[in-house]
């Protein structure tokens, strides 16, 4: 048992009991427990299979390649429209955990991982630079040169990061955050790579 998972569960006072039940279920399988992105993740041969998460109004499980699960109990949801492989099962206050059903999902997810089922990433080269980012690039030749020096993938990450913000103030704060990163020749997600 990973002490970092103990700490994660202890921090989640509202869902601690439920997360403990889910953790016990996960540990009853052959998966190994680790922490990635600050949350408990369970792996087979070093490959991510499932994870736990707690939020303000719900807690749940996510399956990294949940798109391949049969979902005969109709529990899985797609967290975001753009998510290709990952699926979640969410629970709110008062809901009983269907542990036997969740075990079925976990066993199927483990078998899928062992069988190498993976969603092949779609590589697209096309992306649109949002107007706010374009204005910043036009206003600073140093920023434009640095941006043009980045790989297309890193440029796309920055463009999507700004475009995905719903509110204007969020777009502005994100722009201020990324300008020094672009000038340093760094990608938006570089700190998570090669970890």
N, C-alpha and C. Protein backbone atom coordinates (compact mmCIF):
# COMPACT_ATOMS: atom_id res chain seq x y z
N UNK A 1 0.85 -1.19 0.00
CA UNK A 1 0.00 0.00 0.00
C UNK A 1 0.89 1.24 0.00
N UNK A 2 0.53 2.17 -0.83
CA UNK A 2 1.31 3.38 -1.03
C UNK A 2 0.89 4.45 0.00
N UNK A 3 1.83 4.97 0.78
CA UNK A 3 1.47 5.98 1.79
C UNK A 3 0.92 7.27 1.17
N UNK A 4 1.28 7.54 -0.08
CA UNK A 4 0.74 8.74 -0.75
C UNK A 4 -0.76 8.57 -1.00
N UNK A 5 -1.19 7.34 -1.21
CA UNK A 5 -2.63 7.09 -1.39
C UNK A 5 -3.34 7.26 -0.05
N UNK A 6 -2.69 6.82 1.03
CA UNK A 6 -3.24 7.05 2.37
C UNK A 6 -3.50 8.55 2.58
N UNK A 7 -2.51 9.35 2.20
CA UNK A 7 -2.62 10.81 2.37
C UNK A 7 -3.72 11.37 1.48
N UNK A 8 -3.83 10.88 0.25
CA UNK A 8 -4.88 11.35 -0.67
C UNK A 8 -6.26 11.08 -0.08
N UNK A 9 -6.45 9.88 0.44
CA UNK A 9 -7.75 9.51 1.02
C UNK A 9 -8.02 10.32 2.29
N UNK A 10 -6.99 10.51 3.12
CA UNK A 10 -7.17 11.28 4.35
C UNK A 10 -7.57 12.72 4.06
N UNK A 11 -7.06 13.28 2.95
CA UNK A 11 -7.40 14.65 2.56
C UNK A 11 -8.84 14.78 2.11
N UNK A 12 -9.42 13.69 1.64
CA UNK A 12 -10.78 13.70 1.13
C UNK A 12 -11.74 13.28 2.23
N UNK A 13 -11.95 14.16 3.19
CA UNK A 13 -12.79 13.83 4.34
C UNK A 13 -14.20 13.42 3.93
N UNK A 14 -14.75 14.08 2.92
CA UNK A 14 -16.13 13.81 2.51
C UNK A 14 -16.30 12.41 1.92
N UNK A 15 -15.29 11.94 1.18
CA UNK A 15 -15.41 10.66 0.48
C UNK A 15 -14.43 9.61 0.98
N UNK A 16 -13.81 9.82 2.12
CA UNK A 16 -12.77 8.91 2.62
C UNK A 16 -13.22 7.46 2.73
N UNK A 17 -14.40 7.24 3.27
CA UNK A 17 -14.91 5.88 3.45
C UNK A 17 -15.11 5.18 2.10
N UNK A 18 -15.70 5.90 1.15
CA UNK A 18 -15.96 5.33 -0.17
C UNK A 18 -14.65 5.05 -0.91
N UNK A 19 -13.71 5.99 -0.83
CA UNK A 19 -12.42 5.78 -1.50
C UNK A 19 -11.68 4.60 -0.89
N UNK A 20 -11.80 4.42 0.40
CA UNK A 20 -11.17 3.28 1.06
C UNK A 20 -11.76 1.97 0.55
N UNK A 21 -13.09 1.93 0.39
CA UNK A 21 -13.73 0.73 -0.16
C UNK A 21 -13.25 0.44 -1.58
N UNK A 22 -13.16 1.51 -2.39
CA UNK A 22 -12.70 1.33 -3.77
C UNK A 22 -11.23 0.88 -3.80
N UNK A 23 -10.44 1.47 -2.94
CA UNK A 23 -9.02 1.10 -2.87
C UNK A 23 -8.89 -0.39 -2.51
N UNK A 24 -9.65 -0.83 -1.53
CA UNK A 24 -9.61 -2.23 -1.14
C UNK A 24 -9.99 -3.13 -2.31
N UNK A 25 -10.99 -2.72 -3.07
CA UNK A 25 -11.40 -3.46 -4.25
C UNK A 25 -10.26 -3.51 -5.27
N UNK A 26 -9.65 -2.38 -5.54
CA UNK A 26 -8.55 -2.32 -6.52
C UNK A 26 -7.39 -3.21 -6.07
N UNK A 27 -7.06 -3.14 -4.78
CA UNK A 27 -5.93 -3.92 -4.26
C UNK A 27 -6.22 -5.42 -4.20
N UNK A 28 -7.49 -5.80 -4.30
CA UNK A 28 -7.82 -7.22 -4.32
C UNK A 28 -7.57 -7.83 -5.70
N UNK A 29 -7.22 -7.00 -6.67
CA UNK A 29 -6.86 -7.48 -8.01
C UNK A 29 -5.34 -7.57 -8.09
N UNK A 30 -4.83 -7.90 -9.23
CA UNK A 30 -3.39 -8.00 -9.42
C UNK A 30 -2.74 -6.66 -9.76
N UNK A 31 -3.50 -5.58 -9.76
CA UNK A 31 -2.94 -4.27 -10.11
C UNK A 31 -2.02 -3.76 -9.01
N UNK A 32 -1.07 -2.94 -9.42
CA UNK A 32 -0.16 -2.29 -8.48
C UNK A 32 -0.62 -0.85 -8.25
N UNK A 33 -0.45 -0.38 -7.04
CA UNK A 33 -0.90 0.95 -6.64
C UNK A 33 0.25 1.95 -6.77
N UNK A 34 -0.06 3.09 -7.37
CA UNK A 34 0.91 4.17 -7.48
C UNK A 34 0.14 5.49 -7.43
N UNK A 35 0.87 6.59 -7.52
CA UNK A 35 0.23 7.91 -7.59
C UNK A 35 0.78 8.63 -8.82
N UNK A 36 -0.13 9.12 -9.65
CA UNK A 36 0.24 9.91 -10.82
C UNK A 36 -0.71 11.08 -10.89
N UNK A 37 -0.17 12.22 -11.28
CA UNK A 37 -0.98 13.44 -11.38
C UNK A 37 -1.66 13.76 -10.05
N UNK A 38 -1.06 13.33 -8.94
CA UNK A 38 -1.56 13.62 -7.62
C UNK A 38 -2.71 12.74 -7.15
N UNK A 39 -3.05 11.70 -7.91
CA UNK A 39 -4.18 10.84 -7.54
C UNK A 39 -3.77 9.37 -7.64
N UNK A 40 -4.47 8.49 -6.93
CA UNK A 40 -4.17 7.06 -7.00
C UNK A 40 -4.42 6.49 -8.39
N UNK A 41 -3.44 5.75 -8.90
CA UNK A 41 -3.54 5.08 -10.20
C UNK A 41 -3.11 3.63 -10.00
N UNK A 42 -3.79 2.74 -10.71
CA UNK A 42 -3.54 1.31 -10.58
C UNK A 42 -3.09 0.77 -11.94
N UNK A 43 -2.01 0.00 -11.91
CA UNK A 43 -1.34 -0.39 -13.14
C UNK A 43 -1.15 -1.90 -13.25
N UNK A 44 -0.95 -2.35 -14.48
CA UNK A 44 -0.52 -3.72 -14.79
C UNK A 44 0.73 -3.57 -15.64
N UNK A 45 1.83 -4.19 -15.21
CA UNK A 45 3.09 -4.12 -15.95
C UNK A 45 3.48 -2.68 -16.28
N UNK A 46 3.21 -1.78 -15.34
CA UNK A 46 3.56 -0.38 -15.52
C UNK A 46 2.61 0.41 -16.40
N UNK A 47 1.57 -0.21 -16.91
CA UNK A 47 0.59 0.47 -17.78
C UNK A 47 -0.64 0.86 -16.97
N UNK A 48 -1.09 2.10 -17.14
CA UNK A 48 -2.24 2.61 -16.40
C UNK A 48 -3.52 1.86 -16.80
N UNK A 49 -4.25 1.38 -15.80
CA UNK A 49 -5.51 0.68 -16.05
C UNK A 49 -6.68 1.50 -15.51
N UNK A 50 -6.58 1.90 -14.24
CA UNK A 50 -7.70 2.60 -13.60
C UNK A 50 -7.16 3.54 -12.52
N UNK A 51 -8.01 4.44 -12.06
CA UNK A 51 -7.62 5.36 -11.01
C UNK A 51 -8.82 5.78 -10.18
N UNK A 52 -8.51 6.42 -9.06
CA UNK A 52 -9.54 6.96 -8.16
C UNK A 52 -9.44 8.47 -8.16
N UNK A 53 -10.55 9.12 -7.93
CA UNK A 53 -10.52 10.57 -7.82
C UNK A 53 -11.66 11.04 -6.92
N UNK A 54 -11.39 12.11 -6.18
CA UNK A 54 -12.46 12.72 -5.38
C UNK A 54 -12.53 14.19 -5.72
N UNK A 55 -13.73 14.68 -5.79
CA UNK A 55 -13.99 16.07 -6.11
C UNK A 55 -14.97 16.63 -5.07
N UNK A 56 -15.33 17.86 -5.23
CA UNK A 56 -16.21 18.50 -4.26
C UNK A 56 -17.58 17.80 -4.18
N UNK A 57 -18.19 17.53 -5.33
CA UNK A 57 -19.55 17.00 -5.34
C UNK A 57 -19.67 15.54 -5.76
N UNK A 58 -18.54 14.92 -6.11
CA UNK A 58 -18.59 13.51 -6.48
C UNK A 58 -17.21 12.88 -6.33
N UNK A 59 -17.19 11.57 -6.43
CA UNK A 59 -15.94 10.81 -6.44
C UNK A 59 -16.13 9.73 -7.49
N UNK A 60 -15.06 9.06 -7.84
CA UNK A 60 -15.26 8.02 -8.83
C UNK A 60 -14.01 7.29 -9.24
N UNK A 61 -14.21 6.50 -10.28
CA UNK A 61 -13.17 5.68 -10.88
C UNK A 61 -13.04 6.14 -12.32
N UNK A 62 -11.82 6.13 -12.82
CA UNK A 62 -11.67 6.30 -14.25
C UNK A 62 -10.89 5.13 -14.80
N UNK A 63 -11.23 4.77 -16.03
CA UNK A 63 -10.57 3.69 -16.74
C UNK A 63 -9.83 4.31 -17.92
N UNK A 64 -8.54 4.13 -17.96
CA UNK A 64 -7.72 4.78 -18.99
C UNK A 64 -8.11 4.34 -20.40
N UNK A 65 -8.49 3.08 -20.58
CA UNK A 65 -8.97 2.60 -21.87
C UNK A 65 -10.40 2.09 -21.75
N UNK A 66 -11.21 2.87 -21.05
CA UNK A 66 -12.59 2.50 -20.78
C UNK A 66 -13.47 2.38 -22.01
N UNK A 67 -13.04 2.98 -23.11
CA UNK A 67 -13.81 2.90 -24.34
C UNK A 67 -13.99 1.45 -24.79
N UNK A 68 -13.09 0.57 -24.37
CA UNK A 68 -13.16 -0.85 -24.76
C UNK A 68 -14.02 -1.69 -23.81
N UNK A 69 -14.46 -1.10 -22.70
CA UNK A 69 -15.28 -1.86 -21.75
C UNK A 69 -16.69 -2.05 -22.31
N UNK A 70 -17.26 -3.22 -22.04
CA UNK A 70 -18.58 -3.56 -22.57
C UNK A 70 -19.67 -2.65 -22.00
N UNK A 71 -19.55 -2.25 -20.75
CA UNK A 71 -20.49 -1.35 -20.07
C UNK A 71 -21.92 -1.88 -20.08
N UNK A 72 -22.08 -3.16 -19.76
CA UNK A 72 -23.43 -3.74 -19.77
C UNK A 72 -24.31 -3.19 -18.65
N UNK A 73 -23.73 -2.55 -17.65
CA UNK A 73 -24.51 -1.95 -16.57
C UNK A 73 -24.75 -0.46 -16.78
N UNK A 74 -24.26 0.06 -17.88
CA UNK A 74 -24.47 1.47 -18.28
C UNK A 74 -24.02 2.45 -17.19
N UNK A 75 -22.81 2.25 -16.67
CA UNK A 75 -22.26 3.12 -15.64
C UNK A 75 -21.27 4.15 -16.17
N UNK A 76 -20.67 3.88 -17.32
CA UNK A 76 -19.57 4.70 -17.81
C UNK A 76 -20.04 6.00 -18.46
N UNK A 77 -19.27 7.05 -18.19
CA UNK A 77 -19.50 8.34 -18.84
C UNK A 77 -18.18 8.81 -19.43
N UNK A 78 -18.30 9.59 -20.48
CA UNK A 78 -17.14 10.21 -21.10
C UNK A 78 -16.96 11.57 -20.42
N UNK A 79 -15.80 11.79 -19.83
CA UNK A 79 -15.58 13.01 -19.05
C UNK A 79 -15.68 14.26 -19.90
N UNK A 80 -15.14 14.20 -21.10
CA UNK A 80 -15.17 15.35 -22.00
C UNK A 80 -15.42 14.85 -23.41
N UNK A 81 -16.01 15.67 -24.21
CA UNK A 81 -16.33 15.28 -25.58
C UNK A 81 -15.08 14.88 -26.36
N UNK A 82 -13.97 15.53 -26.08
CA UNK A 82 -12.75 15.27 -26.84
C UNK A 82 -11.99 14.03 -26.35
N UNK A 83 -12.40 13.46 -25.23
CA UNK A 83 -11.70 12.29 -24.68
C UNK A 83 -12.02 11.07 -25.53
N UNK A 84 -10.98 10.42 -26.01
CA UNK A 84 -11.16 9.27 -26.90
C UNK A 84 -11.27 7.95 -26.12
N UNK A 85 -10.36 7.70 -25.20
CA UNK A 85 -10.27 6.38 -24.57
C UNK A 85 -10.81 6.33 -23.15
N UNK A 86 -10.56 7.37 -22.37
CA UNK A 86 -10.88 7.34 -20.95
C UNK A 86 -12.39 7.40 -20.70
N UNK A 87 -12.82 6.61 -19.72
CA UNK A 87 -14.21 6.64 -19.27
C UNK A 87 -14.23 6.66 -17.75
N UNK A 88 -15.30 7.21 -17.18
CA UNK A 88 -15.43 7.35 -15.74
C UNK A 88 -16.71 6.70 -15.24
N UNK A 89 -16.68 6.36 -13.96
CA UNK A 89 -17.89 6.00 -13.22
C UNK A 89 -17.91 6.98 -12.05
N UNK A 90 -18.96 7.78 -11.96
CA UNK A 90 -19.07 8.81 -10.93
C UNK A 90 -20.13 8.43 -9.91
N UNK A 91 -19.86 8.84 -8.67
CA UNK A 91 -20.80 8.61 -7.59
C UNK A 91 -20.99 9.89 -6.79
N UNK A 92 -22.20 10.10 -6.32
CA UNK A 92 -22.51 11.26 -5.49
C UNK A 92 -22.95 10.79 -4.11
N UNK A 93 -23.15 11.72 -3.22
CA UNK A 93 -23.55 11.40 -1.85
C UNK A 93 -24.82 10.55 -1.86
N UNK A 94 -24.82 9.54 -1.01
CA UNK A 94 -25.98 8.69 -0.85
C UNK A 94 -26.05 7.49 -1.79
N UNK A 95 -25.22 7.48 -2.81
CA UNK A 95 -25.22 6.35 -3.73
C UNK A 95 -24.44 5.19 -3.13
N UNK A 96 -25.00 4.00 -3.28
CA UNK A 96 -24.32 2.80 -2.78
C UNK A 96 -23.33 2.33 -3.84
N UNK A 97 -22.15 1.91 -3.37
CA UNK A 97 -21.13 1.42 -4.29
C UNK A 97 -21.47 0.00 -4.74
N UNK A 98 -21.64 -0.23 -6.05
CA UNK A 98 -21.91 -1.58 -6.55
C UNK A 98 -20.58 -2.33 -6.72
N UNK A 99 -19.99 -2.76 -5.63
CA UNK A 99 -18.64 -3.31 -5.65
C UNK A 99 -18.50 -4.53 -6.55
N UNK A 100 -19.47 -5.42 -6.56
CA UNK A 100 -19.39 -6.60 -7.43
C UNK A 100 -19.38 -6.20 -8.91
N UNK A 101 -20.22 -5.24 -9.25
CA UNK A 101 -20.27 -4.75 -10.63
C UNK A 101 -18.97 -4.06 -11.00
N UNK A 102 -18.45 -3.24 -10.09
CA UNK A 102 -17.19 -2.55 -10.35
C UNK A 102 -16.04 -3.55 -10.51
N UNK A 103 -16.08 -4.64 -9.75
CA UNK A 103 -15.05 -5.69 -9.91
C UNK A 103 -15.08 -6.24 -11.34
N UNK A 104 -16.29 -6.46 -11.88
CA UNK A 104 -16.40 -6.94 -13.27
C UNK A 104 -15.70 -5.98 -14.23
N UNK A 105 -15.95 -4.69 -14.04
CA UNK A 105 -15.33 -3.67 -14.90
C UNK A 105 -13.81 -3.71 -14.76
N UNK A 106 -13.33 -3.82 -13.51
CA UNK A 106 -11.89 -3.85 -13.28
C UNK A 106 -11.24 -5.07 -13.93
N UNK A 107 -11.85 -6.23 -13.77
CA UNK A 107 -11.30 -7.46 -14.35
C UNK A 107 -11.26 -7.33 -15.88
N UNK A 108 -12.31 -6.79 -16.46
CA UNK A 108 -12.34 -6.60 -17.92
C UNK A 108 -11.26 -5.59 -18.34
N UNK A 109 -11.09 -4.52 -17.58
CA UNK A 109 -10.07 -3.51 -17.91
C UNK A 109 -8.66 -4.10 -17.83
N UNK A 110 -8.44 -4.95 -16.83
CA UNK A 110 -7.13 -5.62 -16.69
C UNK A 110 -6.88 -6.52 -17.90
N UNK A 111 -7.87 -7.29 -18.29
CA UNK A 111 -7.72 -8.19 -19.45
C UNK A 111 -7.49 -7.38 -20.72
N UNK A 112 -8.21 -6.28 -20.88
CA UNK A 112 -8.01 -5.43 -22.05
C UNK A 112 -6.59 -4.91 -22.11
N UNK A 113 -6.05 -4.51 -20.96
CA UNK A 113 -4.67 -4.02 -20.92
C UNK A 113 -3.70 -5.14 -21.28
N UNK A 114 -3.91 -6.31 -20.73
CA UNK A 114 -3.04 -7.45 -21.04
C UNK A 114 -3.09 -7.81 -22.53
N UNK A 115 -4.26 -7.60 -23.14
CA UNK A 115 -4.43 -7.89 -24.56
C UNK A 115 -3.97 -6.75 -25.46
N UNK A 116 -3.50 -5.66 -24.84
CA UNK A 116 -2.92 -4.56 -25.61
C UNK A 116 -3.92 -3.67 -26.31
N UNK A 117 -5.16 -3.65 -25.85
CA UNK A 117 -6.15 -2.77 -26.50
C UNK A 117 -5.82 -1.31 -26.19
N UNK A 118 -5.63 -0.54 -27.23
CA UNK A 118 -5.27 0.88 -27.10
C UNK A 118 -5.97 1.67 -28.20
N UNK A 119 -6.33 2.88 -27.89
CA UNK A 119 -6.84 3.79 -28.90
C UNK A 119 -5.63 4.41 -29.59
N UNK A 120 -5.60 4.31 -30.89
CA UNK A 120 -4.50 4.91 -31.65
C UNK A 120 -4.74 6.41 -31.71
N UNK A 121 -3.75 7.21 -31.25
CA UNK A 121 -3.95 8.66 -31.28
C UNK A 121 -4.05 9.17 -32.71
N UNK A 122 -4.97 10.09 -32.90
CA UNK A 122 -5.11 10.73 -34.20
C UNK A 122 -4.20 11.94 -34.22
N UNK A 123 -3.27 11.93 -35.11
CA UNK A 123 -2.35 13.06 -35.23
C UNK A 123 -2.89 14.03 -36.26
N UNK A 124 -3.20 15.21 -35.81
CA UNK A 124 -3.64 16.24 -36.74
C UNK A 124 -2.61 17.35 -36.73
N UNK A 125 -2.36 17.86 -37.88
CA UNK A 125 -1.39 18.96 -37.98
C UNK A 125 -2.11 20.30 -38.02
N UNK A 126 -3.39 20.27 -38.32
CA UNK A 126 -4.14 21.52 -38.42
C UNK A 126 -4.60 22.00 -37.05
N UNK A 127 -4.44 23.29 -36.83
CA UNK A 127 -5.00 23.93 -35.64
C UNK A 127 -5.09 25.41 -35.94
N UNK A 128 -5.95 26.06 -35.21
CA UNK A 128 -6.16 27.48 -35.41
C UNK A 128 -5.65 28.24 -34.19
N UNK A 129 -4.85 29.26 -34.44
CA UNK A 129 -4.34 30.08 -33.35
C UNK A 129 -5.46 31.05 -32.96
N UNK A 130 -5.90 31.02 -31.70
CA UNK A 130 -6.99 31.91 -31.27
C UNK A 130 -6.58 33.38 -31.41
N UNK A 131 -7.57 34.21 -31.59
CA UNK A 131 -7.33 35.64 -31.83
C UNK A 131 -6.51 36.29 -30.71
N UNK A 132 -6.79 35.93 -29.46
CA UNK A 132 -6.06 36.53 -28.33
C UNK A 132 -4.57 36.20 -28.40
N UNK A 133 -4.25 34.94 -28.71
CA UNK A 133 -2.85 34.53 -28.82
C UNK A 133 -2.21 35.17 -30.04
N UNK A 134 -2.95 35.22 -31.13
CA UNK A 134 -2.45 35.85 -32.36
C UNK A 134 -2.09 37.32 -32.10
N UNK A 135 -2.92 38.02 -31.36
CA UNK A 135 -2.66 39.44 -31.04
C UNK A 135 -1.37 39.59 -30.24
N UNK A 136 -1.17 38.69 -29.27
CA UNK A 136 0.06 38.74 -28.46
C UNK A 136 1.29 38.45 -29.32
N UNK A 137 1.17 37.49 -30.22
CA UNK A 137 2.29 37.15 -31.10
C UNK A 137 2.60 38.30 -32.05
N UNK A 138 1.56 38.97 -32.57
CA UNK A 138 1.77 40.11 -33.47
C UNK A 138 2.40 41.30 -32.75
N UNK A 139 2.13 41.41 -31.44
CA UNK A 139 2.64 42.55 -30.66
C UNK A 139 4.10 42.38 -30.24
N UNK A 140 4.62 41.17 -30.31
CA UNK A 140 5.99 40.92 -29.85
C UNK A 140 6.71 40.00 -30.82
N UNK A 141 7.73 40.56 -31.49
CA UNK A 141 8.48 39.73 -32.45
C UNK A 141 9.25 38.63 -31.72
N UNK A 142 9.71 38.91 -30.50
CA UNK A 142 10.44 37.88 -29.74
C UNK A 142 9.50 36.70 -29.41
N UNK A 143 8.28 37.02 -29.01
CA UNK A 143 7.31 35.98 -28.70
C UNK A 143 6.95 35.19 -29.96
N UNK A 144 6.76 35.91 -31.08
CA UNK A 144 6.43 35.25 -32.35
C UNK A 144 7.56 34.33 -32.79
N UNK A 145 8.79 34.81 -32.71
CA UNK A 145 9.94 33.97 -33.09
C UNK A 145 10.03 32.73 -32.21
N UNK A 146 9.83 32.91 -30.90
CA UNK A 146 9.90 31.79 -29.97
C UNK A 146 8.78 30.79 -30.27
N UNK A 147 7.57 31.30 -30.53
CA UNK A 147 6.43 30.44 -30.84
C UNK A 147 6.70 29.65 -32.12
N UNK A 148 7.21 30.34 -33.15
CA UNK A 148 7.50 29.67 -34.41
C UNK A 148 8.63 28.65 -34.28
N UNK A 149 9.47 28.81 -33.26
CA UNK A 149 10.55 27.86 -33.01
C UNK A 149 10.11 26.59 -32.31
N UNK A 150 8.89 26.59 -31.79
CA UNK A 150 8.34 25.40 -31.12
C UNK A 150 7.86 24.39 -32.15
N UNK A 151 7.80 23.14 -31.74
CA UNK A 151 7.24 22.11 -32.62
C UNK A 151 5.75 22.40 -32.83
N UNK A 152 5.21 21.85 -33.92
CA UNK A 152 3.78 22.05 -34.21
C UNK A 152 2.91 21.51 -33.06
N UNK A 153 3.34 20.42 -32.45
CA UNK A 153 2.58 19.86 -31.33
C UNK A 153 2.51 20.82 -30.15
N UNK A 154 3.64 21.47 -29.84
CA UNK A 154 3.66 22.42 -28.72
C UNK A 154 2.86 23.67 -29.07
N UNK A 155 2.95 24.11 -30.32
CA UNK A 155 2.14 25.26 -30.75
C UNK A 155 0.66 24.93 -30.59
N UNK A 156 0.28 23.73 -31.00
CA UNK A 156 -1.13 23.30 -30.90
C UNK A 156 -1.58 23.26 -29.44
N UNK A 157 -0.71 22.76 -28.53
CA UNK A 157 -1.06 22.72 -27.12
C UNK A 157 -1.38 24.12 -26.60
N UNK A 158 -0.53 25.08 -26.94
CA UNK A 158 -0.77 26.45 -26.50
C UNK A 158 -2.05 27.03 -27.11
N UNK A 159 -2.24 26.81 -28.40
CA UNK A 159 -3.44 27.32 -29.08
C UNK A 159 -4.70 26.74 -28.44
N UNK A 160 -4.70 25.43 -28.19
CA UNK A 160 -5.87 24.79 -27.58
C UNK A 160 -6.09 25.26 -26.15
N UNK A 161 -5.00 25.49 -25.42
CA UNK A 161 -5.09 25.94 -24.04
C UNK A 161 -5.83 27.28 -23.96
N UNK A 162 -5.54 28.17 -24.88
CA UNK A 162 -6.23 29.47 -24.90
C UNK A 162 -7.65 29.29 -25.43
N UNK A 163 -7.80 28.55 -26.52
CA UNK A 163 -9.12 28.38 -27.15
C UNK A 163 -10.11 27.68 -26.23
N UNK A 164 -9.63 26.78 -25.38
CA UNK A 164 -10.52 26.02 -24.50
C UNK A 164 -11.06 26.82 -23.33
N UNK A 165 -10.45 27.96 -23.02
CA UNK A 165 -10.94 28.79 -21.92
C UNK A 165 -12.28 29.40 -22.31
N UNK A 166 -13.23 29.35 -21.39
CA UNK A 166 -14.58 29.83 -21.68
C UNK A 166 -14.70 31.35 -21.50
N UNK A 167 -14.07 31.85 -20.44
CA UNK A 167 -14.23 33.27 -20.11
C UNK A 167 -13.02 34.07 -20.58
N UNK A 168 -13.28 35.31 -20.90
CA UNK A 168 -12.22 36.20 -21.39
C UNK A 168 -11.12 36.39 -20.34
N UNK A 169 -11.51 36.51 -19.08
CA UNK A 169 -10.49 36.71 -18.03
C UNK A 169 -9.61 35.47 -17.90
N UNK A 170 -10.18 34.28 -18.13
CA UNK A 170 -9.39 33.06 -18.09
C UNK A 170 -8.40 33.03 -19.25
N UNK A 171 -8.86 33.42 -20.43
CA UNK A 171 -7.97 33.48 -21.59
C UNK A 171 -6.80 34.43 -21.30
N UNK A 172 -7.12 35.58 -20.71
CA UNK A 172 -6.09 36.57 -20.41
C UNK A 172 -5.09 36.03 -19.39
N UNK A 173 -5.58 35.41 -18.33
CA UNK A 173 -4.66 34.88 -17.31
C UNK A 173 -3.81 33.74 -17.88
N UNK A 174 -4.40 32.93 -18.74
CA UNK A 174 -3.64 31.85 -19.38
C UNK A 174 -2.56 32.41 -20.30
N UNK A 175 -2.89 33.47 -21.03
CA UNK A 175 -1.89 34.10 -21.90
C UNK A 175 -0.70 34.60 -21.09
N UNK A 176 -0.98 35.23 -19.96
CA UNK A 176 0.11 35.74 -19.11
C UNK A 176 0.96 34.60 -18.57
N UNK A 177 0.34 33.47 -18.30
CA UNK A 177 1.07 32.31 -17.78
C UNK A 177 1.98 31.71 -18.85
N UNK A 178 1.50 31.63 -20.09
CA UNK A 178 2.26 30.91 -21.12
C UNK A 178 3.32 31.75 -21.82
N UNK A 179 3.21 33.07 -21.80
CA UNK A 179 4.20 33.89 -22.52
C UNK A 179 5.63 33.60 -22.07
N UNK A 180 5.94 33.54 -20.77
CA UNK A 180 7.32 33.23 -20.38
C UNK A 180 7.74 31.81 -20.79
N UNK A 181 6.78 30.89 -20.79
CA UNK A 181 7.09 29.52 -21.18
C UNK A 181 7.45 29.44 -22.66
N UNK A 182 6.70 30.17 -23.48
CA UNK A 182 6.98 30.21 -24.92
C UNK A 182 8.36 30.84 -25.15
N UNK A 183 8.61 31.94 -24.47
CA UNK A 183 9.91 32.63 -24.63
C UNK A 183 11.07 31.74 -24.20
N UNK A 184 10.84 30.83 -23.25
CA UNK A 184 11.87 29.90 -22.81
C UNK A 184 11.96 28.67 -23.70
N UNK A 185 11.10 28.60 -24.73
CA UNK A 185 11.13 27.46 -25.64
C UNK A 185 10.53 26.19 -25.06
N UNK A 186 9.70 26.35 -24.04
CA UNK A 186 9.10 25.19 -23.37
C UNK A 186 7.70 24.94 -23.89
N UNK A 187 7.30 23.67 -23.86
CA UNK A 187 5.93 23.31 -24.19
C UNK A 187 5.05 23.42 -22.96
N UNK A 188 3.77 23.51 -23.17
CA UNK A 188 2.81 23.65 -22.08
C UNK A 188 2.90 22.50 -21.09
N UNK A 189 3.11 21.29 -21.59
CA UNK A 189 3.09 20.10 -20.73
C UNK A 189 4.48 19.48 -20.54
N UNK A 190 5.53 20.22 -20.80
CA UNK A 190 6.89 19.68 -20.70
C UNK A 190 7.20 19.14 -19.31
N UNK A 191 6.67 19.77 -18.26
CA UNK A 191 6.99 19.32 -16.91
C UNK A 191 6.45 17.92 -16.63
N UNK A 192 5.47 17.45 -17.42
CA UNK A 192 4.92 16.12 -17.22
C UNK A 192 5.58 15.07 -18.10
N UNK A 193 6.39 15.53 -19.04
CA UNK A 193 7.05 14.58 -19.94
C UNK A 193 8.32 14.06 -19.30
N UNK A 194 8.68 12.84 -19.65
CA UNK A 194 9.92 12.22 -19.18
C UNK A 194 10.00 12.15 -17.66
N UNK A 195 8.86 11.90 -17.02
CA UNK A 195 8.85 11.79 -15.56
C UNK A 195 8.98 10.34 -15.16
